Amino acid sequence: MEKYPKIKIKSTLKLIAECDKAFSKYIRKADEKLGCIFHAKCEEKKIAPPCRCDGVLQACHKVSRSKKAIKYDRRNVFAGCRSSNLWASFNKEEWWELWQKLYPEDIEYLKSRMNMECHRKRTT
């Protein structure tokens, strides 16, 4: 009788972490030639940025990653510098107001989708 190799099944958390890492890499690669989009957008809109650009790109979310329905939505994510991402995470209310000034075209789109429910089948 032929033996089959054991298949390792990854946990959901590990798969989500892999997806996060791959999506972050995709965002940074797609926007790398533009540099920090956050500071460029502030300059374009003539708004004083709340932090200094440090040049290290990260995937920044306009609406929190906790909103699963738009976590991987390209209109919700852009490449911004590490310092702007850190500032946004510690100044959530100010960030909420600021991103809407920087991206008025995305307000209705993201607000309409951020509370959509994501369903997945659970196996027992």
N, C-alpha and C. Protein backbone atom coordinates (compact mmCIF):
# COMPACT_ATOMS: atom_id res chain seq x y z
N MET A 1 0.83 -1.18 0.00
CA MET A 1 0.00 0.00 0.00
C MET A 1 0.88 1.25 0.00
N GLU A 2 0.50 2.20 -0.85
CA GLU A 2 1.29 3.43 -1.02
C GLU A 2 1.01 4.41 0.12
N LYS A 3 2.10 4.99 0.66
CA LYS A 3 1.96 5.98 1.73
C LYS A 3 1.93 7.37 1.14
N TYR A 4 1.04 8.18 1.64
CA TYR A 4 0.96 9.57 1.20
C TYR A 4 1.64 10.47 2.22
N PRO A 5 2.27 11.52 1.76
CA PRO A 5 2.92 12.44 2.72
C PRO A 5 1.86 13.18 3.54
N LYS A 6 2.23 13.49 4.76
CA LYS A 6 1.31 14.24 5.62
C LYS A 6 1.23 15.68 5.11
N ILE A 7 0.04 16.21 5.13
CA ILE A 7 -0.17 17.58 4.71
C ILE A 7 -0.35 18.44 5.95
N LYS A 8 0.47 19.50 6.03
CA LYS A 8 0.34 20.41 7.15
C LYS A 8 -0.74 21.43 6.81
N ILE A 9 -1.66 21.59 7.71
CA ILE A 9 -2.72 22.57 7.51
C ILE A 9 -2.40 23.77 8.40
N LYS A 10 -2.30 24.93 7.76
CA LYS A 10 -1.97 26.14 8.49
C LYS A 10 -3.22 26.69 9.19
N SER A 11 -2.98 27.32 10.32
CA SER A 11 -4.09 27.92 11.04
C SER A 11 -4.58 29.17 10.29
N THR A 12 -5.79 29.58 10.57
CA THR A 12 -6.36 30.77 9.94
C THR A 12 -5.51 31.99 10.24
N LEU A 13 -5.03 32.12 11.45
CA LEU A 13 -4.20 33.28 11.82
C LEU A 13 -2.92 33.34 11.01
N LYS A 14 -2.31 32.18 10.76
CA LYS A 14 -1.09 32.16 9.96
C LYS A 14 -1.38 32.53 8.51
N LEU A 15 -2.50 32.07 8.00
CA LEU A 15 -2.87 32.42 6.63
C LEU A 15 -3.17 33.91 6.49
N ILE A 16 -3.85 34.48 7.48
CA ILE A 16 -4.13 35.91 7.46
C ILE A 16 -2.82 36.71 7.53
N ALA A 17 -1.89 36.28 8.36
CA ALA A 17 -0.59 36.95 8.46
C ALA A 17 0.14 36.90 7.13
N GLU A 18 0.07 35.77 6.43
CA GLU A 18 0.71 35.66 5.12
C GLU A 18 0.04 36.58 4.10
N CYS A 19 -1.28 36.66 4.15
CA CYS A 19 -2.02 37.56 3.25
C CYS A 19 -1.66 39.01 3.54
N ASP A 20 -1.57 39.38 4.82
CA ASP A 20 -1.20 40.75 5.20
C ASP A 20 0.18 41.10 4.66
N LYS A 21 1.10 40.18 4.81
CA LYS A 21 2.48 40.41 4.37
C LYS A 21 2.55 40.56 2.85
N ALA A 22 1.85 39.70 2.14
CA ALA A 22 1.85 39.75 0.67
C ALA A 22 1.17 41.03 0.17
N PHE A 23 0.06 41.42 0.79
CA PHE A 23 -0.65 42.62 0.36
C PHE A 23 0.18 43.87 0.65
N SER A 24 0.84 43.91 1.80
CA SER A 24 1.71 45.03 2.13
C SER A 24 2.85 45.16 1.11
N LYS A 25 3.42 44.04 0.75
CA LYS A 25 4.49 44.04 -0.25
C LYS A 25 3.98 44.55 -1.60
N TYR A 26 2.78 44.11 -1.98
CA TYR A 26 2.17 44.55 -3.23
C TYR A 26 1.97 46.07 -3.24
N ILE A 27 1.42 46.61 -2.14
CA ILE A 27 1.16 48.06 -2.04
C ILE A 27 2.47 48.83 -2.13
N ARG A 28 3.47 48.42 -1.38
CA ARG A 28 4.75 49.13 -1.39
C ARG A 28 5.40 49.07 -2.76
N LYS A 29 5.32 47.93 -3.42
CA LYS A 29 5.91 47.78 -4.76
C LYS A 29 5.15 48.63 -5.78
N ALA A 30 3.82 48.63 -5.70
CA ALA A 30 3.00 49.38 -6.66
C ALA A 30 3.23 50.89 -6.54
N ASP A 31 3.47 51.36 -5.32
CA ASP A 31 3.59 52.81 -5.09
C ASP A 31 5.02 53.29 -4.86
N GLU A 32 6.01 52.41 -4.94
CA GLU A 32 7.37 52.78 -4.55
C GLU A 32 7.96 53.94 -5.35
N LYS A 33 7.61 54.04 -6.62
CA LYS A 33 8.16 55.14 -7.43
C LYS A 33 7.57 56.49 -7.03
N LEU A 34 6.41 56.46 -6.40
CA LEU A 34 5.76 57.70 -5.96
C LEU A 34 6.27 58.16 -4.59
N GLY A 35 6.93 57.28 -3.87
CA GLY A 35 7.40 57.61 -2.53
C GLY A 35 6.25 57.63 -1.54
N CYS A 36 6.40 58.42 -0.50
CA CYS A 36 5.37 58.51 0.54
C CYS A 36 4.18 59.29 -0.01
N ILE A 37 3.13 58.60 -0.29
CA ILE A 37 1.94 59.23 -0.87
C ILE A 37 1.28 60.16 0.14
N PHE A 38 1.35 59.83 1.41
CA PHE A 38 0.76 60.67 2.44
C PHE A 38 1.33 62.09 2.40
N HIS A 39 2.65 62.21 2.42
CA HIS A 39 3.27 63.53 2.42
C HIS A 39 3.09 64.24 1.08
N ALA A 40 3.09 63.49 -0.01
CA ALA A 40 2.85 64.09 -1.32
C ALA A 40 1.43 64.66 -1.40
N LYS A 41 0.47 63.91 -0.85
CA LYS A 41 -0.93 64.35 -0.85
C LYS A 41 -1.10 65.59 0.04
N CYS A 42 -0.43 65.62 1.19
CA CYS A 42 -0.48 66.79 2.07
C CYS A 42 0.06 68.02 1.33
N GLU A 43 1.16 67.84 0.64
CA GLU A 43 1.75 68.94 -0.12
C GLU A 43 0.81 69.41 -1.23
N GLU A 44 0.22 68.46 -1.95
CA GLU A 44 -0.71 68.77 -3.04
C GLU A 44 -1.93 69.56 -2.53
N LYS A 45 -2.45 69.17 -1.37
CA LYS A 45 -3.64 69.81 -0.80
C LYS A 45 -3.29 71.02 0.08
N LYS A 46 -1.98 71.31 0.18
CA LYS A 46 -1.49 72.42 1.00
C LYS A 46 -1.93 72.30 2.46
N ILE A 47 -1.77 71.09 2.99
CA ILE A 47 -2.06 70.79 4.39
C ILE A 47 -0.74 70.44 5.07
N ALA A 48 -0.48 71.07 6.20
CA ALA A 48 0.76 70.79 6.93
C ALA A 48 0.71 69.37 7.49
N PRO A 49 1.67 68.51 7.12
CA PRO A 49 1.65 67.14 7.65
C PRO A 49 1.96 67.14 9.16
N PRO A 50 1.36 66.24 9.90
CA PRO A 50 1.55 66.20 11.35
C PRO A 50 2.87 65.56 11.79
N CYS A 51 3.63 65.04 10.82
CA CYS A 51 4.89 64.37 11.15
C CYS A 51 5.86 64.54 9.99
N ARG A 52 7.11 64.25 10.24
CA ARG A 52 8.15 64.35 9.22
C ARG A 52 8.29 63.00 8.51
N CYS A 53 8.45 63.04 7.21
CA CYS A 53 8.60 61.80 6.44
C CYS A 53 9.94 61.14 6.74
N ASP A 54 9.90 59.84 7.03
CA ASP A 54 11.16 59.13 7.27
C ASP A 54 11.58 58.25 6.09
N GLY A 55 10.76 58.20 5.05
CA GLY A 55 11.14 57.51 3.81
C GLY A 55 10.95 56.01 3.79
N VAL A 56 10.68 55.38 4.93
CA VAL A 56 10.48 53.94 4.97
C VAL A 56 9.00 53.66 4.68
N LEU A 57 8.72 53.03 3.54
CA LEU A 57 7.34 52.84 3.13
C LEU A 57 6.67 51.66 3.84
N GLN A 58 5.39 51.88 4.16
CA GLN A 58 4.53 50.86 4.73
C GLN A 58 3.17 50.95 4.06
N ALA A 59 2.38 49.92 4.20
CA ALA A 59 1.00 49.97 3.70
C ALA A 59 0.17 50.68 4.76
N CYS A 60 -0.40 51.83 4.39
CA CYS A 60 -1.20 52.63 5.32
C CYS A 60 -2.68 52.50 4.94
N HIS A 61 -3.52 52.35 5.93
CA HIS A 61 -4.96 52.22 5.72
C HIS A 61 -5.68 53.51 6.09
N LYS A 62 -6.58 53.95 5.23
CA LYS A 62 -7.40 55.12 5.55
C LYS A 62 -8.37 54.74 6.66
N VAL A 63 -9.08 53.65 6.47
CA VAL A 63 -9.99 53.11 7.49
C VAL A 63 -9.29 51.90 8.10
N SER A 64 -9.43 51.74 9.38
CA SER A 64 -8.73 50.70 10.14
C SER A 64 -8.78 49.31 9.49
N ARG A 65 -7.70 48.59 9.68
CA ARG A 65 -7.63 47.20 9.20
C ARG A 65 -8.63 46.31 9.90
N SER A 66 -9.17 46.75 11.01
CA SER A 66 -10.16 45.94 11.73
C SER A 66 -11.47 45.82 10.95
N LYS A 67 -11.69 46.71 10.00
CA LYS A 67 -12.86 46.62 9.13
C LYS A 67 -12.53 45.62 8.02
N LYS A 68 -12.84 44.38 8.27
CA LYS A 68 -12.42 43.27 7.40
C LYS A 68 -12.91 43.40 5.96
N ALA A 69 -14.06 44.01 5.75
CA ALA A 69 -14.62 44.11 4.39
C ALA A 69 -13.76 44.96 3.47
N ILE A 70 -12.98 45.89 4.03
CA ILE A 70 -12.14 46.75 3.18
C ILE A 70 -10.66 46.69 3.53
N LYS A 71 -10.30 45.73 4.34
CA LYS A 71 -8.90 45.59 4.75
C LYS A 71 -7.96 45.48 3.55
N TYR A 72 -8.37 44.74 2.52
CA TYR A 72 -7.52 44.55 1.34
C TYR A 72 -8.03 45.33 0.13
N ASP A 73 -8.86 46.31 0.36
CA ASP A 73 -9.40 47.14 -0.72
C ASP A 73 -8.34 48.16 -1.13
N ARG A 74 -7.99 48.20 -2.40
CA ARG A 74 -6.94 49.09 -2.88
C ARG A 74 -7.26 50.56 -2.65
N ARG A 75 -8.52 50.91 -2.63
CA ARG A 75 -8.90 52.32 -2.39
C ARG A 75 -8.74 52.70 -0.92
N ASN A 76 -8.57 51.72 -0.06
CA ASN A 76 -8.39 51.99 1.36
C ASN A 76 -6.92 52.00 1.76
N VAL A 77 -6.04 51.57 0.89
CA VAL A 77 -4.64 51.39 1.26
C VAL A 77 -3.73 52.13 0.29
N PHE A 78 -2.69 52.73 0.83
CA PHE A 78 -1.68 53.42 0.02
C PHE A 78 -0.33 53.28 0.71
N ALA A 79 0.73 53.56 -0.01
CA ALA A 79 2.07 53.50 0.57
C ALA A 79 2.39 54.83 1.21
N GLY A 80 2.58 54.79 2.50
CA GLY A 80 2.95 55.98 3.25
C GLY A 80 4.17 55.66 4.08
N CYS A 81 4.79 56.68 4.63
CA CYS A 81 5.99 56.43 5.42
C CYS A 81 5.63 55.88 6.80
N ARG A 82 6.61 55.29 7.41
CA ARG A 82 6.44 54.66 8.73
C ARG A 82 5.98 55.67 9.77
N SER A 83 6.52 56.90 9.72
CA SER A 83 6.14 57.89 10.74
C SER A 83 4.69 58.33 10.59
N SER A 84 4.19 58.44 9.35
CA SER A 84 2.78 58.81 9.18
C SER A 84 1.85 57.68 9.63
N ASN A 85 2.26 56.45 9.38
CA ASN A 85 1.47 55.30 9.82
C ASN A 85 1.43 55.23 11.35
N LEU A 86 2.56 55.49 11.98
CA LEU A 86 2.63 55.49 13.44
C LEU A 86 1.78 56.62 14.01
N TRP A 87 1.88 57.81 13.41
CA TRP A 87 1.08 58.94 13.87
C TRP A 87 -0.42 58.61 13.77
N ALA A 88 -0.82 58.03 12.65
CA ALA A 88 -2.24 57.69 12.43
C ALA A 88 -2.73 56.68 13.47
N SER A 89 -1.89 55.74 13.84
CA SER A 89 -2.32 54.71 14.80
C SER A 89 -2.49 55.27 16.21
N PHE A 90 -1.77 56.34 16.55
CA PHE A 90 -1.90 56.94 17.88
C PHE A 90 -2.82 58.16 17.92
N ASN A 91 -3.26 58.62 16.76
CA ASN A 91 -4.14 59.79 16.67
C ASN A 91 -5.33 59.47 15.78
N LYS A 92 -6.10 58.50 16.18
CA LYS A 92 -7.18 57.96 15.34
C LYS A 92 -8.23 59.00 14.94
N GLU A 93 -8.64 59.85 15.86
CA GLU A 93 -9.66 60.85 15.54
C GLU A 93 -9.13 61.90 14.55
N GLU A 94 -7.90 62.36 14.79
CA GLU A 94 -7.29 63.34 13.88
C GLU A 94 -7.06 62.71 12.51
N TRP A 95 -6.65 61.44 12.51
CA TRP A 95 -6.42 60.74 11.25
C TRP A 95 -7.72 60.61 10.46
N TRP A 96 -8.81 60.29 11.15
CA TRP A 96 -10.11 60.14 10.50
C TRP A 96 -10.49 61.42 9.75
N GLU A 97 -10.27 62.55 10.39
CA GLU A 97 -10.57 63.85 9.75
C GLU A 97 -9.59 64.15 8.62
N LEU A 98 -8.32 63.88 8.85
CA LEU A 98 -7.29 64.21 7.87
C LEU A 98 -7.42 63.41 6.58
N TRP A 99 -7.62 62.10 6.67
CA TRP A 99 -7.69 61.32 5.42
C TRP A 99 -8.89 61.74 4.58
N GLN A 100 -9.96 62.20 5.22
CA GLN A 100 -11.12 62.66 4.46
C GLN A 100 -10.84 63.96 3.73
N LYS A 101 -9.96 64.79 4.28
CA LYS A 101 -9.53 66.01 3.57
C LYS A 101 -8.61 65.66 2.41
N LEU A 102 -7.77 64.66 2.61
CA LEU A 102 -6.80 64.27 1.59
C LEU A 102 -7.43 63.45 0.46
N TYR A 103 -8.44 62.66 0.78
CA TYR A 103 -9.07 61.75 -0.18
C TYR A 103 -10.60 61.91 -0.19
N PRO A 104 -11.13 63.09 -0.51
CA PRO A 104 -12.59 63.27 -0.47
C PRO A 104 -13.33 62.35 -1.44
N GLU A 105 -12.65 61.94 -2.50
CA GLU A 105 -13.29 61.07 -3.50
C GLU A 105 -13.55 59.66 -2.97
N ASP A 106 -12.91 59.28 -1.87
CA ASP A 106 -13.07 57.93 -1.33
C ASP A 106 -14.01 57.84 -0.13
N ILE A 107 -14.47 58.96 0.36
CA ILE A 107 -15.28 58.97 1.59
C ILE A 107 -16.52 58.10 1.47
N GLU A 108 -17.36 58.37 0.50
CA GLU A 108 -18.62 57.62 0.36
C GLU A 108 -18.37 56.15 0.07
N TYR A 109 -17.43 55.89 -0.81
CA TYR A 109 -17.10 54.51 -1.18
C TYR A 109 -16.71 53.70 0.06
N LEU A 110 -15.76 54.21 0.85
CA LEU A 110 -15.28 53.47 2.00
C LEU A 110 -16.30 53.39 3.13
N LYS A 111 -17.02 54.47 3.36
CA LYS A 111 -18.04 54.45 4.41
C LYS A 111 -19.14 53.45 4.09
N SER A 112 -19.49 53.34 2.82
CA SER A 112 -20.57 52.40 2.45
C SER A 112 -20.14 50.95 2.57
N ARG A 113 -18.86 50.70 2.49
CA ARG A 113 -18.36 49.32 2.53
C ARG A 113 -17.76 48.89 3.86
N MET A 114 -17.41 49.84 4.71
CA MET A 114 -16.66 49.47 5.91
C MET A 114 -17.47 48.64 6.92
N ASN A 115 -18.77 48.70 6.88
CA ASN A 115 -19.57 47.92 7.83
C ASN A 115 -20.23 46.71 7.19
N MET A 116 -19.82 46.39 5.97
CA MET A 116 -20.33 45.18 5.34
C MET A 116 -19.80 43.98 6.11
N GLU A 117 -20.58 42.95 6.17
CA GLU A 117 -20.14 41.76 6.89
C GLU A 117 -19.41 40.81 5.96
N CYS A 118 -18.38 40.24 6.49
CA CYS A 118 -17.64 39.21 5.75
C CYS A 118 -18.00 37.87 6.38
N HIS A 119 -18.47 36.97 5.57
CA HIS A 119 -18.86 35.66 6.07
C HIS A 119 -17.87 34.61 5.57
N ARG A 120 -17.60 33.70 6.41
CA ARG A 120 -16.80 32.56 5.98
C ARG A 120 -17.38 31.33 6.65
N LYS A 121 -17.25 30.25 5.97
CA LYS A 121 -17.78 29.01 6.52
C LYS A 121 -16.77 28.46 7.53
N ARG A 122 -17.28 28.06 8.63
CA ARG A 122 -16.43 27.45 9.65
C ARG A 122 -16.64 25.94 9.62
N THR A 123 -15.56 25.25 9.67
CA THR A 123 -15.65 23.79 9.71
C THR A 123 -15.53 23.34 11.16
N THR A 124 -16.23 22.31 11.50
CA THR A 124 -16.17 21.82 12.87
C THR A 124 -15.38 20.55 12.98
